[in-house]
Structures are given as structure tokens and as C-alpha cells.
């Protein structure tokens, strides 16, 4: 399973519209639209889980393409450890 980062998304996209786009390249296990903790508003990026081979094809075909009126960034997600919030330090 590979996690994909998708950035520069239009604020009006839905999980279903993103899933539909990526499903052209294989089975999409999950789509997580990232929302602001304080306001609950969509932040313009998401993470997608797909099989390794399918994710490679999706990244290759969709990076720097137009979706919902914007040029999207599609790349492997950086699996760094989460940084501690200042309040947790």
C-alpha cells in the first residue's frame, strides 16, 4: 500500500471526485481530505492510499495536470514522524 499526497486542490472538491479521478489508475483504498482543526475548512490537499503499482501510475499520469480548474501536485507522501505542536513541547 502506498500513500500519495495531492496538493493544490480546489476547495470545492469532494472525496468522491478525487476518488473518481484516481480510480482510472487502479483501486483507491481511501481518500482523506485534510481539514483545519480550528475552522473545519478543507485545506486544499489530501492523502490517498492505493496499491504500490497503481500509485506509481497515478503519480506519473496525474502530477502537474488540471483537475477542477487547478494544476495539482501528485507525489508520494512523505512519511516523516509528526512534529510536536508547540503546546506539546
C-alpha atoms as a PDB file:
ATOM      1  CA  UNK A   1       0.000   0.000   0.000  1.00  0.00           C
ATOM      2  CA  UNK A   2       1.325   3.406  -0.967  1.00  0.00           C
ATOM      3  CA  UNK A   3       0.233   6.773   0.399  1.00  0.00           C
ATOM      4  CA  UNK A   4       0.007   9.631  -2.103  1.00  0.00           C
ATOM      5  CA  UNK A   5      -0.022  13.363  -1.387  1.00  0.00           C
ATOM      6  CA  UNK A   6      -2.252  15.503  -3.629  1.00  0.00           C
ATOM      7  CA  UNK A   7      -1.852  19.262  -3.277  1.00  0.00           C
ATOM      8  CA  UNK A   8      -3.231  22.490  -4.757  1.00  0.00           C
ATOM      9  CA  UNK A   9      -6.759  21.095  -4.848  1.00  0.00           C
ATOM     10  CA  UNK A  10      -9.747  23.355  -5.394  1.00  0.00           C
ATOM     11  CA  UNK A  11     -11.641  23.926  -2.147  1.00  0.00           C
ATOM     12  CA  UNK A  12     -14.825  22.579  -3.739  1.00  0.00           C
ATOM     13  CA  UNK A  13     -13.559  19.049  -4.455  1.00  0.00           C
ATOM     14  CA  UNK A  14     -15.092  16.083  -2.658  1.00  0.00           C
ATOM     15  CA  UNK A  15     -13.732  12.702  -1.608  1.00  0.00           C
ATOM     16  CA  UNK A  16     -15.846  11.146  -4.371  1.00  0.00           C
ATOM     17  CA  UNK A  17     -14.485  13.436  -7.109  1.00  0.00           C
ATOM     18  CA  UNK A  18     -10.873  12.741  -6.074  1.00  0.00           C
ATOM     19  CA  UNK A  19     -11.559   9.004  -5.817  1.00  0.00           C
ATOM     20  CA  UNK A  20     -13.161   9.009  -9.266  1.00  0.00           C
ATOM     21  CA  UNK A  21     -10.093  10.700 -10.785  1.00  0.00           C
ATOM     22  CA  UNK A  22      -7.591   8.304  -9.197  1.00  0.00           C
ATOM     23  CA  UNK A  23      -9.725   5.197  -9.832  1.00  0.00           C
ATOM     24  CA  UNK A  24      -8.794   5.463 -13.512  1.00  0.00           C
ATOM     25  CA  UNK A  25      -5.348   4.156 -12.497  1.00  0.00           C
ATOM     26  CA  UNK A  26      -6.315   1.433 -10.026  1.00  0.00           C
ATOM     27  CA  UNK A  27      -8.205   0.655  -6.857  1.00  0.00           C
ATOM     28  CA  UNK A  28      -8.355   3.538  -4.375  1.00  0.00           C
ATOM     29  CA  UNK A  29      -8.372   2.215  -0.815  1.00  0.00           C
ATOM     30  CA  UNK A  30      -9.065   5.555   0.863  1.00  0.00           C
ATOM     31  CA  UNK A  31      -9.148   9.327   0.386  1.00  0.00           C
ATOM     32  CA  UNK A  32      -8.562  11.699   3.315  1.00  0.00           C
ATOM     33  CA  UNK A  33      -9.307  15.372   2.678  1.00  0.00           C
ATOM     34  CA  UNK A  34      -7.353  17.356   5.264  1.00  0.00           C
ATOM     35  CA  UNK A  35      -9.295  19.960   7.210  1.00  0.00           C
ATOM     36  CA  UNK A  36      -8.164  22.762   9.506  1.00  0.00           C
ATOM     37  CA  UNK A  37      -8.547  21.764  13.163  1.00  0.00           C
ATOM     38  CA  UNK A  38      -9.801  25.179  14.204  1.00  0.00           C
ATOM     39  CA  UNK A  39     -12.244  26.046  11.440  1.00  0.00           C
ATOM     40  CA  UNK A  40     -13.067  22.666   9.918  1.00  0.00           C
ATOM     41  CA  UNK A  41     -12.420  24.089   6.423  1.00  0.00           C
ATOM     42  CA  UNK A  42     -10.713  21.982   3.768  1.00  0.00           C
ATOM     43  CA  UNK A  43      -7.024  22.957   3.493  1.00  0.00           C
ATOM     44  CA  UNK A  44      -6.560  22.182  -0.229  1.00  0.00           C
ATOM     45  CA  UNK A  45      -4.723  18.871  -0.007  1.00  0.00           C
ATOM     46  CA  UNK A  46      -5.444  15.222   0.646  1.00  0.00           C
ATOM     47  CA  UNK A  47      -3.862  11.807   1.048  1.00  0.00           C
ATOM     48  CA  UNK A  48      -4.825   8.751  -0.983  1.00  0.00           C
ATOM     49  CA  UNK A  49      -3.978   5.100  -0.346  1.00  0.00           C
ATOM     50  CA  UNK A  50      -3.520   2.843  -3.387  1.00  0.00           C
ATOM     51  CA  UNK A  51      -1.603  -0.321  -4.258  1.00  0.00           C
ATOM     52  CA  UNK A  52       2.094   0.317  -4.967  1.00  0.00           C
ATOM     53  CA  UNK A  53       1.988  -0.265  -8.740  1.00  0.00           C
ATOM     54  CA  UNK A  54      -1.278   1.628  -9.174  1.00  0.00           C
ATOM     55  CA  UNK A  55       0.075   4.572  -7.194  1.00  0.00           C
ATOM     56  CA  UNK A  56       3.167   4.826  -9.411  1.00  0.00           C
ATOM     57  CA  UNK A  57       0.978   5.065 -12.497  1.00  0.00           C
ATOM     58  CA  UNK A  58      -1.370   7.601 -10.891  1.00  0.00           C
ATOM     59  CA  UNK A  59       1.552   9.802  -9.794  1.00  0.00           C
ATOM     60  CA  UNK A  60       3.149   9.638 -13.231  1.00  0.00           C
ATOM     61  CA  UNK A  61      -0.063  10.415 -15.123  1.00  0.00           C
ATOM     62  CA  UNK A  62      -1.684  12.985 -12.800  1.00  0.00           C
ATOM     63  CA  UNK A  63       1.175  15.140 -11.446  1.00  0.00           C
ATOM     64  CA  UNK A  64       1.003  18.682 -12.867  1.00  0.00           C
ATOM     65  CA  UNK A  65      -2.334  18.047 -14.611  1.00  0.00           C
ATOM     66  CA  UNK A  66      -5.502  20.124 -14.396  1.00  0.00           C
ATOM     67  CA  UNK A  67      -8.267  18.953 -12.058  1.00  0.00           C
ATOM     68  CA  UNK A  68     -11.261  21.093 -11.046  1.00  0.00           C
ATOM     69  CA  UNK A  69      -9.647  24.149 -12.609  1.00  0.00           C
ATOM     70  CA  UNK A  70      -6.259  23.860 -10.878  1.00  0.00           C
ATOM     71  CA  UNK A  71      -2.881  22.299 -11.655  1.00  0.00           C
ATOM     72  CA  UNK A  72      -2.465  19.626  -8.978  1.00  0.00           C
ATOM     73  CA  UNK A  73       0.689  18.279  -7.351  1.00  0.00           C
ATOM     74  CA  UNK A  74       0.729  14.492  -7.008  1.00  0.00           C
ATOM     75  CA  UNK A  75       3.644  12.746  -5.292  1.00  0.00           C
ATOM     76  CA  UNK A  76       4.497  10.018  -2.803  1.00  0.00           C
ATOM     77  CA  UNK A  77       3.556  11.139   0.697  1.00  0.00           C
ATOM     78  CA  UNK A  78       6.466  11.943   2.962  1.00  0.00           C
ATOM     79  CA  UNK A  79       6.116   9.560   5.883  1.00  0.00           C
ATOM     80  CA  UNK A  80       8.084  11.637   8.404  1.00  0.00           C
ATOM     81  CA  UNK A  81       7.203  11.433  12.052  1.00  0.00           C
ATOM     82  CA  UNK A  82       4.645  14.048  13.038  1.00  0.00           C
ATOM     83  CA  UNK A  83       6.162  17.123  14.576  1.00  0.00           C
ATOM     84  CA  UNK A  84       5.112  18.011  18.064  1.00  0.00           C
ATOM     85  CA  UNK A  85       2.932  21.052  18.409  1.00  0.00           C
ATOM     86  CA  UNK A  86       4.426  23.863  20.456  1.00  0.00           C
ATOM     87  CA  UNK A  87       1.824  23.175  23.117  1.00  0.00           C
ATOM     88  CA  UNK A  88       3.105  19.584  23.443  1.00  0.00           C
ATOM     89  CA  UNK A  89       6.762  20.549  23.962  1.00  0.00           C
END
